Amino acid sequence: MRKNLAIAMIAFGLVGALPVKAEVLTVGTTGDYKPLTWYNAESDQYTGQSVALVKAFAEEYGYELKIVRTTWPNLSADLAEGKFQLAVGGITITEQRQKTFIFSDPLRVFGKTPLVRCGEEKKFSQLSQIDRPGITVVENPGGTNEKLARDIIHHAKLVVVEDNHQPFEYLLNHQADVMFTDSIEATYKQNQQSGLCAAAPNWLLKKGEKAFMFRDDETELRGQFNRWLNSYKKKK
């Protein structure tokens, strides 16, 4: 009854339009890949360059942003199951992912590089120095770092740990010697004076592109984001 009365009052111009609830934009991210995505458990907040970008997009179009935590091994399955509309935060465009999902325009170009303890860069500046008996390579699970290591490491020991935080601990605690990671992350770690350095910053394996990854039925949303991104870049 009240609903019908409200509609009638609006129709006759007796009151202003009722407030419209914002459309929810559901975004998945791992929250473990600085400087692109990071989850702070104490504040229950997500930060990072990719998070800031999707927040700016949502604000521009009036979306209510909902961020869903995922993991690298589960990211693709979670997106396919509809737990979120798009995934952000250091996601590489790959042929395998393109079979199932659609991507935004590329956000940045990167390469893979060895990350080691600072002071040991010269010991691991070539693949032949890394892929040999007695050397341990450590990787996080489920992403392109692990895939690269499995493709190129044949003689060194490869250890795949449970999450994205552990490889750095393994390196600093001398439980491993090398991690292959994105040049973005390696540069960030080095600049943060974390004790870890890029062994060969000019030696970039498997150059690729980072982008936001959308469900294949979100073509309209992807197009909207790409148009906004193009305008956003021109303003920067």
Foldseek 3Di string as FASTA:
>chain_A
DVVVVVVVCVVVVVDDDDDDDAAAAEEEEAQQFPQAWHADPVVRDIHHDFVVLVVVLCVVVVHHYDYDHDAQQCVLVCQQVCVGFWYDGFAFDDPVLVVFWDWAPFDDKWFKFKKAFPPCLVQPQDLVSQQADPAEEEEEPRGPQVVVCVVRRDHYHYHYDHHDVPRVVCRVVVVHGIGIDILNRQVVCVVVVVRMHGSHSPDGHDMTTHTMIGGRVVPVVSVSSNVVVVVVVVVD
